[in-house]
Amino acid sequence: MIVQLVKFTSKLSEDEVTKVARDREQAYRDTPGLIQKFYIKLGAPDTYGGFLIWDSAESLAAFRDTELARTIPQAYGVIGTPEVTVGETMFLLRDAELMPA
């Protein structure tokens, strides 16, 4: 599995960021290869992110070419360039079927 951490600063309010995330939720649910996405509010002001778990590097690469991915900066009012870190899982602490959906 591939993990991806995305961190960004937004010009939108927290309520607006949450509304955008909720409006786009089904599109993420329908994304092939996306196992889970955690929506994150980070400690710095106006800083949010996502922690995504992908079934493969190929699924992540395919997602990057989608309209959903291309519209992230505009939809979330991103200021500057998001910080993106990608890694490969070494092992799971708990069985995947125990992870919340």
PDB file of N, CA and C in Angstrom:
ATOM      1  N   MET A   1       0.839  -1.182   0.000  1.00  0.00           N
ATOM      2  CA  MET A   1       0.000   0.000   0.000  1.00  0.00           C
ATOM      3  C   MET A   1       0.882   1.243   0.000  1.00  0.00           C
ATOM      4  N   ILE A   2       0.328   2.293  -0.563  1.00  0.00           N
ATOM      5  CA  ILE A   2       1.004   3.576  -0.649  1.00  0.00           C
ATOM      6  C   ILE A   2       0.263   4.559   0.245  1.00  0.00           C
ATOM      7  N   VAL A   3       1.000   5.368   0.999  1.00  0.00           N
ATOM      8  CA  VAL A   3       0.389   6.414   1.816  1.00  0.00           C
ATOM      9  C   VAL A   3       0.817   7.769   1.279  1.00  0.00           C
ATOM     10  N   GLN A   4      -0.078   8.724   1.403  1.00  0.00           N
ATOM     11  CA  GLN A   4       0.166  10.067   0.892  1.00  0.00           C
ATOM     12  C   GLN A   4      -0.322  11.055   1.946  1.00  0.00           C
ATOM     13  N   LEU A   5       0.547  11.979   2.323  1.00  0.00           N
ATOM     14  CA  LEU A   5       0.183  13.042   3.253  1.00  0.00           C
ATOM     15  C   LEU A   5       0.239  14.361   2.499  1.00  0.00           C
ATOM     16  N   VAL A   6      -0.891  15.062   2.490  1.00  0.00           N
ATOM     17  CA  VAL A   6      -0.988  16.355   1.814  1.00  0.00           C
ATOM     18  C   VAL A   6      -1.285  17.402   2.877  1.00  0.00           C
ATOM     19  N   LYS A   7      -0.509  18.487   2.871  1.00  0.00           N
ATOM     20  CA  LYS A   7      -0.674  19.579   3.839  1.00  0.00           C
ATOM     21  C   LYS A   7      -0.761  20.881   3.059  1.00  0.00           C
ATOM     22  N   PHE A   8      -1.754  21.727   3.396  1.00  0.00           N
ATOM     23  CA  PHE A   8      -1.897  22.990   2.687  1.00  0.00           C
ATOM     24  C   PHE A   8      -2.487  24.066   3.594  1.00  0.00           C
ATOM     25  N   THR A   9      -2.246  25.307   3.222  1.00  0.00           N
ATOM     26  CA  THR A   9      -2.852  26.457   3.877  1.00  0.00           C
ATOM     27  C   THR A   9      -3.959  26.959   2.966  1.00  0.00           C
ATOM     28  N   SER A  10      -5.084  27.336   3.562  1.00  0.00           N
ATOM     29  CA  SER A  10      -6.249  27.756   2.785  1.00  0.00           C
ATOM     30  C   SER A  10      -6.666  29.177   3.136  1.00  0.00           C
ATOM     31  N   LYS A  11      -7.178  29.884   2.142  1.00  0.00           N
ATOM     32  CA  LYS A  11      -7.750  31.207   2.382  1.00  0.00           C
ATOM     33  C   LYS A  11      -9.213  31.100   2.818  1.00  0.00           C
ATOM     34  N   LEU A  12      -9.768  29.886   2.819  1.00  0.00           N
ATOM     35  CA  LEU A  12     -11.161  29.659   3.218  1.00  0.00           C
ATOM     36  C   LEU A  12     -11.266  29.481   4.729  1.00  0.00           C
ATOM     37  N   SER A  13     -12.458  29.717   5.251  1.00  0.00           N
ATOM     38  CA  SER A  13     -12.703  29.445   6.668  1.00  0.00           C
ATOM     39  C   SER A  13     -12.777  27.935   6.889  1.00  0.00           C
ATOM     40  N   GLU A  14     -12.708  27.527   8.142  1.00  0.00           N
ATOM     41  CA  GLU A  14     -12.826  26.096   8.449  1.00  0.00           C
ATOM     42  C   GLU A  14     -14.168  25.538   7.977  1.00  0.00           C
ATOM     43  N   ASP A  15     -15.231  26.288   8.169  1.00  0.00           N
ATOM     44  CA  ASP A  15     -16.551  25.841   7.708  1.00  0.00           C
ATOM     45  C   ASP A  15     -16.572  25.659   6.193  1.00  0.00           C
ATOM     46  N   GLU A  16     -15.944  26.580   5.470  1.00  0.00           N
ATOM     47  CA  GLU A  16     -15.907  26.483   4.010  1.00  0.00           C
ATOM     48  C   GLU A  16     -15.075  25.281   3.554  1.00  0.00           C
ATOM     49  N   VAL A  17     -13.940  25.055   4.212  1.00  0.00           N
ATOM     50  CA  VAL A  17     -13.104  23.895   3.875  1.00  0.00           C
ATOM     51  C   VAL A  17     -13.889  22.607   4.115  1.00  0.00           C
ATOM     52  N   THR A  18     -14.599  22.547   5.230  1.00  0.00           N
ATOM     53  CA  THR A  18     -15.395  21.362   5.543  1.00  0.00           C
ATOM     54  C   THR A  18     -16.499  21.157   4.510  1.00  0.00           C
ATOM     55  N   LYS A  19     -17.148  22.229   4.090  1.00  0.00           N
ATOM     56  CA  LYS A  19     -18.201  22.115   3.078  1.00  0.00           C
ATOM     57  C   LYS A  19     -17.641  21.597   1.757  1.00  0.00           C
ATOM     58  N   VAL A  20     -16.494  22.122   1.341  1.00  0.00           N
ATOM     59  CA  VAL A  20     -15.863  21.652   0.099  1.00  0.00           C
ATOM     60  C   VAL A  20     -15.558  20.161   0.219  1.00  0.00           C
ATOM     61  N   ALA A  21     -14.983  19.758   1.353  1.00  0.00           N
ATOM     62  CA  ALA A  21     -14.640  18.348   1.556  1.00  0.00           C
ATOM     63  C   ALA A  21     -15.887  17.471   1.491  1.00  0.00           C
ATOM     64  N   ARG A  22     -16.959  17.901   2.132  1.00  0.00           N
ATOM     65  CA  ARG A  22     -18.207  17.123   2.117  1.00  0.00           C
ATOM     66  C   ARG A  22     -18.801  17.065   0.708  1.00  0.00           C
ATOM     67  N   ASP A  23     -18.731  18.180  -0.011  1.00  0.00           N
ATOM     68  CA  ASP A  23     -19.261  18.215  -1.381  1.00  0.00           C
ATOM     69  C   ASP A  23     -18.498  17.268  -2.311  1.00  0.00           C
ATOM     70  N   ARG A  24     -17.227  17.046  -2.041  1.00  0.00           N
ATOM     71  CA  ARG A  24     -16.386  16.217  -2.899  1.00  0.00           C
ATOM     72  C   ARG A  24     -16.233  14.785  -2.365  1.00  0.00           C
ATOM     73  N   GLU A  25     -16.851  14.508  -1.238  1.00  0.00           N
ATOM     74  CA  GLU A  25     -16.700  13.215  -0.567  1.00  0.00           C
ATOM     75  C   GLU A  25     -17.032  12.029  -1.474  1.00  0.00           C
ATOM     76  N   GLN A  26     -18.151  12.084  -2.171  1.00  0.00           N
ATOM     77  CA  GLN A  26     -18.543  10.941  -3.009  1.00  0.00           C
ATOM     78  C   GLN A  26     -17.546  10.710  -4.137  1.00  0.00           C
ATOM     79  N   ALA A  27     -17.014  11.778  -4.695  1.00  0.00           N
ATOM     80  CA  ALA A  27     -16.022  11.622  -5.762  1.00  0.00           C
ATOM     81  C   ALA A  27     -14.796  10.870  -5.255  1.00  0.00           C
ATOM     82  N   TYR A  28     -14.389  11.140  -4.012  1.00  0.00           N
ATOM     83  CA  TYR A  28     -13.271  10.386  -3.440  1.00  0.00           C
ATOM     84  C   TYR A  28     -13.675   8.936  -3.160  1.00  0.00           C
ATOM     85  N   ARG A  29     -14.899   8.721  -2.683  1.00  0.00           N
ATOM     86  CA  ARG A  29     -15.374   7.349  -2.452  1.00  0.00           C
ATOM     87  C   ARG A  29     -15.349   6.536  -3.743  1.00  0.00           C
ATOM     88  N   ASP A  30     -15.590   7.209  -4.865  1.00  0.00           N
ATOM     89  CA  ASP A  30     -15.630   6.539  -6.169  1.00  0.00           C
ATOM     90  C   ASP A  30     -14.262   6.430  -6.842  1.00  0.00           C
ATOM     91  N   THR A  31     -13.216   6.939  -6.209  1.00  0.00           N
ATOM     92  CA  THR A  31     -11.885   6.932  -6.812  1.00  0.00           C
ATOM     93  C   THR A  31     -11.280   5.530  -6.761  1.00  0.00           C
ATOM     94  N   PRO A  32     -10.968   4.960  -7.915  1.00  0.00           N
ATOM     95  CA  PRO A  32     -10.374   3.613  -7.943  1.00  0.00           C
ATOM     96  C   PRO A  32      -9.033   3.572  -7.197  1.00  0.00           C
ATOM     97  N   GLY A  33      -8.892   2.559  -6.359  1.00  0.00           N
ATOM     98  CA  GLY A  33      -7.628   2.343  -5.660  1.00  0.00           C
ATOM     99  C   GLY A  33      -7.457   3.108  -4.372  1.00  0.00           C
ATOM    100  N   LEU A  34      -8.369   4.039  -4.055  1.00  0.00           N
ATOM    101  CA  LEU A  34      -8.274   4.787  -2.803  1.00  0.00           C
ATOM    102  C   LEU A  34      -8.937   3.966  -1.702  1.00  0.00           C
ATOM    103  N   ILE A  35      -8.125   3.499  -0.765  1.00  0.00           N
ATOM    104  CA  ILE A  35      -8.624   2.652   0.316  1.00  0.00           C
ATOM    105  C   ILE A  35      -9.273   3.484   1.412  1.00  0.00           C
ATOM    106  N   GLN A  36      -8.624   4.600   1.783  1.00  0.00           N
ATOM    107  CA  GLN A  36      -9.117   5.432   2.879  1.00  0.00           C
ATOM    108  C   GLN A  36      -8.548   6.835   2.732  1.00  0.00           C
ATOM    109  N   LYS A  37      -9.319   7.815   3.197  1.00  0.00           N
ATOM    110  CA  LYS A  37      -8.841   9.190   3.260  1.00  0.00           C
ATOM    111  C   LYS A  37      -9.252   9.768   4.600  1.00  0.00           C
ATOM    112  N   PHE A  38      -8.282  10.340   5.300  1.00  0.00           N
ATOM    113  CA  PHE A  38      -8.533  11.037   6.549  1.00  0.00           C
ATOM    114  C   PHE A  38      -8.411  12.533   6.270  1.00  0.00           C
ATOM    115  N   TYR A  39      -9.422  13.307   6.631  1.00  0.00           N
ATOM    116  CA  TYR A  39      -9.389  14.751   6.493  1.00  0.00           C
ATOM    117  C   TYR A  39      -8.821  15.312   7.791  1.00  0.00           C
ATOM    118  N   ILE A  40      -7.843  16.202   7.693  1.00  0.00           N
ATOM    119  CA  ILE A  40      -7.080  16.623   8.863  1.00  0.00           C
ATOM    120  C   ILE A  40      -7.092  18.143   9.006  1.00  0.00           C
ATOM    121  N   LYS A  41      -7.288  18.614  10.234  1.00  0.00           N
ATOM    122  CA  LYS A  41      -7.061  20.016  10.580  1.00  0.00           C
ATOM    123  C   LYS A  41      -5.776  20.030  11.393  1.00  0.00           C
ATOM    124  N   LEU A  42      -4.775  20.727  10.897  1.00  0.00           N
ATOM    125  CA  LEU A  42      -3.473  20.744  11.557  1.00  0.00           C
ATOM    126  C   LEU A  42      -3.391  21.922  12.533  1.00  0.00           C
ATOM    127  N   GLY A  43      -2.354  21.935  13.358  1.00  0.00           N
ATOM    128  CA  GLY A  43      -2.237  22.921  14.429  1.00  0.00           C
ATOM    129  C   GLY A  43      -1.987  24.349  13.991  1.00  0.00           C
ATOM    130  N   ALA A  44      -1.360  24.566  12.861  1.00  0.00           N
ATOM    131  CA  ALA A  44      -1.091  25.922  12.387  1.00  0.00           C
ATOM    132  C   ALA A  44      -2.384  26.550  11.875  1.00  0.00           C
ATOM    133  N   PRO A  45      -2.511  27.873  11.989  1.00  0.00           N
ATOM    134  CA  PRO A  45      -3.732  28.536  11.513  1.00  0.00           C
ATOM    135  C   PRO A  45      -4.004  28.272  10.032  1.00  0.00           C
ATOM    136  N   ASP A  46      -5.268  28.003   9.718  1.00  0.00           N
ATOM    137  CA  ASP A  46      -5.722  27.820   8.336  1.00  0.00           C
ATOM    138  C   ASP A  46      -4.988  26.703   7.595  1.00  0.00           C
ATOM    139  N   THR A  47      -4.502  25.718   8.336  1.00  0.00           N
ATOM    140  CA  THR A  47      -3.727  24.626   7.739  1.00  0.00           C
ATOM    141  C   THR A  47      -4.488  23.320   7.869  1.00  0.00           C
ATOM    142  N   TYR A  48      -4.657  22.663   6.737  1.00  0.00           N
ATOM    143  CA  TYR A  48      -5.444  21.441   6.656  1.00  0.00           C
ATOM    144  C   TYR A  48      -4.662  20.406   5.860  1.00  0.00           C
ATOM    145  N   GLY A  49      -5.225  19.221   5.767  1.00  0.00           N
ATOM    146  CA  GLY A  49      -4.554  18.208   4.973  1.00  0.00           C
ATOM    147  C   GLY A  49      -5.405  16.970   4.807  1.00  0.00           C
ATOM    148  N   GLY A  50      -4.781  16.030   4.161  1.00  0.00           N
ATOM    149  CA  GLY A  50      -5.402  14.739   3.957  1.00  0.00           C
ATOM    150  C   GLY A  50      -4.347  13.661   4.080  1.00  0.00           C
ATOM    151  N   PHE A  51      -4.742  12.557   4.662  1.00  0.00           N
ATOM    152  CA  PHE A  51      -3.879  11.381   4.734  1.00  0.00           C
ATOM    153  C   PHE A  51      -4.613  10.304   3.961  1.00  0.00           C
ATOM    154  N   LEU A  52      -4.024   9.900   2.838  1.00  0.00           N
ATOM    155  CA  LEU A  52      -4.685   8.968   1.932  1.00  0.00           C
ATOM    156  C   LEU A  52      -3.925   7.654   1.880  1.00  0.00           C
ATOM    157  N   ILE A  53      -4.667   6.568   1.797  1.00  0.00           N
ATOM    158  CA  ILE A  53      -4.084   5.237   1.671  1.00  0.00           C
ATOM    159  C   ILE A  53      -4.532   4.662   0.335  1.00  0.00           C
ATOM    160  N   TRP A  54      -3.566   4.320  -0.496  1.00  0.00           N
ATOM    161  CA  TRP A  54      -3.805   3.810  -1.850  1.00  0.00           C
ATOM    162  C   TRP A  54      -3.411   2.350  -1.936  1.00  0.00           C
ATOM    163  N   ASP A  55      -4.076   1.619  -2.816  1.00  0.00           N
ATOM    164  CA  ASP A  55      -3.725   0.208  -2.992  1.00  0.00           C
ATOM    165  C   ASP A  55      -2.424   0.029  -3.768  1.00  0.00           C
ATOM    166  N   SER A  56      -2.025   1.050  -4.546  1.00  0.00           N
ATOM    167  CA  SER A  56      -0.798   0.925  -5.343  1.00  0.00           C
ATOM    168  C   SER A  56      -0.324   2.294  -5.820  1.00  0.00           C
ATOM    169  N   ALA A  57       0.929   2.357  -6.215  1.00  0.00           N
ATOM    170  CA  ALA A  57       1.486   3.579  -6.801  1.00  0.00           C
ATOM    171  C   ALA A  57       0.784   3.909  -8.109  1.00  0.00           C
ATOM    172  N   GLU A  58       0.352   2.901  -8.823  1.00  0.00           N
ATOM    173  CA  GLU A  58      -0.344   3.105 -10.094  1.00  0.00           C
ATOM    174  C   GLU A  58      -1.688   3.815  -9.880  1.00  0.00           C
ATOM    175  N   SER A  59      -2.401   3.446  -8.828  1.00  0.00           N
ATOM    176  CA  SER A  59      -3.681   4.101  -8.531  1.00  0.00           C
ATOM    177  C   SER A  59      -3.469   5.567  -8.177  1.00  0.00           C
ATOM    178  N   LEU A  60      -2.439   5.848  -7.379  1.00  0.00           N
ATOM    179  CA  LEU A  60      -2.118   7.233  -7.039  1.00  0.00           C
ATOM    180  C   LEU A  60      -1.746   8.015  -8.297  1.00  0.00           C
ATOM    181  N   ALA A  61      -0.929   7.434  -9.154  1.00  0.00           N
ATOM    182  CA  ALA A  61      -0.528   8.102 -10.398  1.00  0.00           C
ATOM    183  C   ALA A  61      -1.744   8.378 -11.284  1.00  0.00           C
ATOM    184  N   ALA A  62      -2.654   7.426 -11.374  1.00  0.00           N
ATOM    185  CA  ALA A  62      -3.860   7.612 -12.189  1.00  0.00           C
ATOM    186  C   ALA A  62      -4.726   8.730 -11.611  1.00  0.00           C
ATOM    187  N   PHE A  63      -4.837   8.785 -10.283  1.00  0.00           N
ATOM    188  CA  PHE A  63      -5.619   9.834  -9.637  1.00  0.00           C
ATOM    189  C   PHE A  63      -5.069  11.214  -9.966  1.00  0.00           C
ATOM    190  N   ARG A  64      -3.763  11.348  -9.988  1.00  0.00           N
ATOM    191  CA  ARG A  64      -3.138  12.651 -10.249  1.00  0.00           C
ATOM    192  C   ARG A  64      -3.529  13.229 -11.608  1.00  0.00           C
ATOM    193  N   ASP A  65      -3.979  12.386 -12.529  1.00  0.00           N
ATOM    194  CA  ASP A  65      -4.395  12.836 -13.857  1.00  0.00           C
ATOM    195  C   ASP A  65      -5.891  13.128 -13.954  1.00  0.00           C
ATOM    196  N   THR A  66      -6.607  13.053 -12.831  1.00  0.00           N
ATOM    197  CA  THR A  66      -8.061  13.256 -12.863  1.00  0.00           C
ATOM    198  C   THR A  66      -8.441  14.723 -12.660  1.00  0.00           C
ATOM    199  N   GLU A  67      -9.651  15.030 -13.058  1.00  0.00           N
ATOM    200  CA  GLU A  67     -10.211  16.369 -12.828  1.00  0.00           C
ATOM    201  C   GLU A  67     -10.305  16.653 -11.332  1.00  0.00           C
ATOM    202  N   LEU A  68     -10.659  15.653 -10.553  1.00  0.00           N
ATOM    203  CA  LEU A  68     -10.752  15.819  -9.104  1.00  0.00           C
ATOM    204  C   LEU A  68      -9.424  16.294  -8.532  1.00  0.00           C
ATOM    205  N   ALA A  69      -8.348  15.664  -8.917  1.00  0.00           N
ATOM    206  CA  ALA A  69      -7.021  16.058  -8.427  1.00  0.00           C
ATOM    207  C   ALA A  69      -6.635  17.445  -8.918  1.00  0.00           C
ATOM    208  N   ARG A  70      -6.892  17.722 -10.184  1.00  0.00           N
ATOM    209  CA  ARG A  70      -6.506  19.023 -10.767  1.00  0.00           C
ATOM    210  C   ARG A  70      -7.227  20.194 -10.112  1.00  0.00           C
ATOM    211  N   THR A  71      -8.423  19.964  -9.586  1.00  0.00           N
ATOM    212  CA  THR A  71      -9.205  21.054  -9.016  1.00  0.00           C
ATOM    213  C   THR A  71      -9.012  21.248  -7.516  1.00  0.00           C
ATOM    214  N   ILE A  72      -8.157  20.466  -6.896  1.00  0.00           N
ATOM    215  CA  ILE A  72      -7.934  20.586  -5.449  1.00  0.00           C
ATOM    216  C   ILE A  72      -7.513  22.002  -5.049  1.00  0.00           C
ATOM    217  N   PRO A  73      -6.473  22.575  -5.648  1.00  0.00           N
ATOM    218  CA  PRO A  73      -6.037  23.913  -5.200  1.00  0.00           C
ATOM    219  C   PRO A  73      -7.137  24.975  -5.280  1.00  0.00           C
ATOM    220  N   GLN A  74      -7.864  25.002  -6.369  1.00  0.00           N
ATOM    221  CA  GLN A  74      -8.919  25.994  -6.534  1.00  0.00           C
ATOM    222  C   GLN A  74     -10.072  25.724  -5.567  1.00  0.00           C
ATOM    223  N   ALA A  75     -10.489  24.482  -5.464  1.00  0.00           N
ATOM    224  CA  ALA A  75     -11.632  24.131  -4.620  1.00  0.00           C
ATOM    225  C   ALA A  75     -11.398  24.495  -3.157  1.00  0.00           C
ATOM    226  N   TYR A  76     -10.176  24.263  -2.671  1.00  0.00           N
ATOM    227  CA  TYR A  76      -9.866  24.497  -1.265  1.00  0.00           C
ATOM    228  C   TYR A  76      -9.222  25.856  -1.011  1.00  0.00           C
ATOM    229  N   GLY A  77      -9.117  26.704  -2.034  1.00  0.00           N
ATOM    230  CA  GLY A  77      -8.513  28.016  -1.843  1.00  0.00           C
ATOM    231  C   GLY A  77      -7.094  27.922  -1.325  1.00  0.00           C
ATOM    232  N   VAL A  78      -6.320  27.012  -1.897  1.00  0.00           N
ATOM    233  CA  VAL A  78      -4.957  26.752  -1.418  1.00  0.00           C
ATOM    234  C   VAL A  78      -4.060  27.957  -1.674  1.00  0.00           C
ATOM    235  N   ILE A  79      -3.312  28.327  -0.654  1.00  0.00           N
ATOM    236  CA  ILE A  79      -2.325  29.396  -0.738  1.00  0.00           C
ATOM    237  C   ILE A  79      -0.960  28.746  -0.925  1.00  0.00           C
ATOM    238  N   GLY A  80      -0.252  29.125  -1.977  1.00  0.00           N
ATOM    239  CA  GLY A  80       1.065  28.547  -2.233  1.00  0.00           C
ATOM    240  C   GLY A  80       0.957  27.138  -2.783  1.00  0.00           C
ATOM    241  N   THR A  81       1.999  26.374  -2.547  1.00  0.00           N
ATOM    242  CA  THR A  81       2.078  25.003  -3.049  1.00  0.00           C
ATOM    243  C   THR A  81       1.865  24.023  -1.897  1.00  0.00           C
ATOM    244  N   PRO A  82       0.942  23.077  -2.049  1.00  0.00           N
ATOM    245  CA  PRO A  82       0.757  22.082  -0.990  1.00  0.00           C
ATOM    246  C   PRO A  82       2.026  21.262  -0.778  1.00  0.00           C
ATOM    247  N   GLU A  83       2.227  20.829   0.444  1.00  0.00           N
ATOM    248  CA  GLU A  83       3.337  19.938   0.778  1.00  0.00           C
ATOM    249  C   GLU A  83       2.809  18.508   0.671  1.00  0.00           C
ATOM    250  N   VAL A  84       3.441  17.705  -0.178  1.00  0.00           N
ATOM    251  CA  VAL A  84       2.977  16.338  -0.413  1.00  0.00           C
ATOM    252  C   VAL A  84       4.119  15.368  -0.134  1.00  0.00           C
ATOM    253  N   THR A  85       3.842  14.380   0.689  1.00  0.00           N
ATOM    254  CA  THR A  85       4.803  13.326   1.003  1.00  0.00           C
ATOM    255  C   THR A  85       4.153  11.990   0.667  1.00  0.00           C
ATOM    256  N   VAL A  86       4.888  11.143  -0.040  1.00  0.00           N
ATOM    257  CA  VAL A  86       4.381   9.827  -0.430  1.00  0.00           C
ATOM    258  C   VAL A  86       5.348   8.768   0.092  1.00  0.00           C
ATOM    259  N   GLY A  87       4.800   7.690   0.625  1.00  0.00           N
ATOM    260  CA  GLY A  87       5.629   6.596   1.117  1.00  0.00           C
ATOM    261  C   GLY A  87       4.941   5.258   0.910  1.00  0.00           C
ATOM    262  N   GLU A  88       5.665   4.219   1.206  1.00  0.00           N
ATOM    263  CA  GLU A  88       5.150   2.856   1.078  1.00  0.00           C
ATOM    264  C   GLU A  88       5.022   2.259   2.467  1.00  0.00           C
ATOM    265  N   THR A  89       3.911   1.582   2.735  1.00  0.00           N
ATOM    266  CA  THR A  89       3.734   0.984   4.054  1.00  0.00           C
ATOM    267  C   THR A  89       4.709  -0.179   4.233  1.00  0.00           C
ATOM    268  N   MET A  90       5.238  -0.287   5.433  1.00  0.00           N
ATOM    269  CA  MET A  90       6.132  -1.391   5.774  1.00  0.00           C
ATOM    270  C   MET A  90       5.318  -2.555   6.353  1.00  0.00           C
ATOM    271  N   PHE A  91       4.398  -2.221   7.283  1.00  0.00           N
ATOM    272  CA  PHE A  91       3.490  -3.212   7.857  1.00  0.00           C
ATOM    273  C   PHE A  91       2.385  -2.468   8.578  1.00  0.00           C
ATOM    274  N   LEU A  92       1.300  -3.169   8.890  1.00  0.00           N
ATOM    275  CA  LEU A  92       0.166  -2.586   9.597  1.00  0.00           C
ATOM    276  C   LEU A  92       0.187  -2.999  11.058  1.00  0.00           C
ATOM    277  N   LEU A  93      -0.136  -2.096  11.948  1.00  0.00           N
ATOM    278  CA  LEU A  93      -0.269  -2.398  13.366  1.00  0.00           C
ATOM    279  C   LEU A  93      -1.492  -3.280  13.610  1.00  0.00           C
ATOM    280  N   ARG A  94      -2.583  -2.935  12.933  1.00  0.00           N
ATOM    281  CA  ARG A  94      -3.830  -3.692  13.055  1.00  0.00           C
ATOM    282  C   ARG A  94      -4.234  -4.204  11.687  1.00  0.00           C
ATOM    283  N   ASP A  95      -5.046  -5.228  11.653  1.00  0.00           N
ATOM    284  CA  ASP A  95      -5.537  -5.747  10.395  1.00  0.00           C
ATOM    285  C   ASP A  95      -6.324  -4.671   9.664  1.00  0.00           C
ATOM    286  N   ALA A  96      -6.181  -4.628   8.363  1.00  0.00           N
ATOM    287  CA  ALA A  96      -6.862  -3.615   7.550  1.00  0.00           C
ATOM    288  C   ALA A  96      -8.370  -3.680   7.727  1.00  0.00           C
ATOM    289  N   GLU A  97      -8.948  -4.849   7.927  1.00  0.00           N
ATOM    290  CA  GLU A  97     -10.402  -4.937   8.057  1.00  0.00           C
ATOM    291  C   GLU A  97     -10.891  -4.298   9.363  1.00  0.00           C
ATOM    292  N   LEU A  98      -9.984  -4.007  10.295  1.00  0.00           N
ATOM    293  CA  LEU A  98     -10.374  -3.338  11.527  1.00  0.00           C
ATOM    294  C   LEU A  98     -10.363  -1.814  11.386  1.00  0.00           C
ATOM    295  N   MET A  99      -9.841  -1.302  10.265  1.00  0.00           N
ATOM    296  CA  MET A  99      -9.815   0.152  10.047  1.00  0.00           C
ATOM    297  C   MET A  99     -11.222   0.661   9.798  1.00  0.00           C
ATOM    298  N   PRO A 100     -11.550   1.815  10.381  1.00  0.00           N
ATOM    299  CA  PRO A 100     -12.892   2.378  10.129  1.00  0.00           C
ATOM    300  C   PRO A 100     -13.035   2.784   8.682  1.00  0.00           C
ATOM    301  N   ALA A 101     -14.224   2.628   8.150  1.00  0.00           N
ATOM    302  CA  ALA A 101     -14.488   2.994   6.734  1.00  0.00           C
ATOM    303  C   ALA A 101     -14.712   4.475   6.602  1.00  0.00           C
TER     304      ALA A 101
END
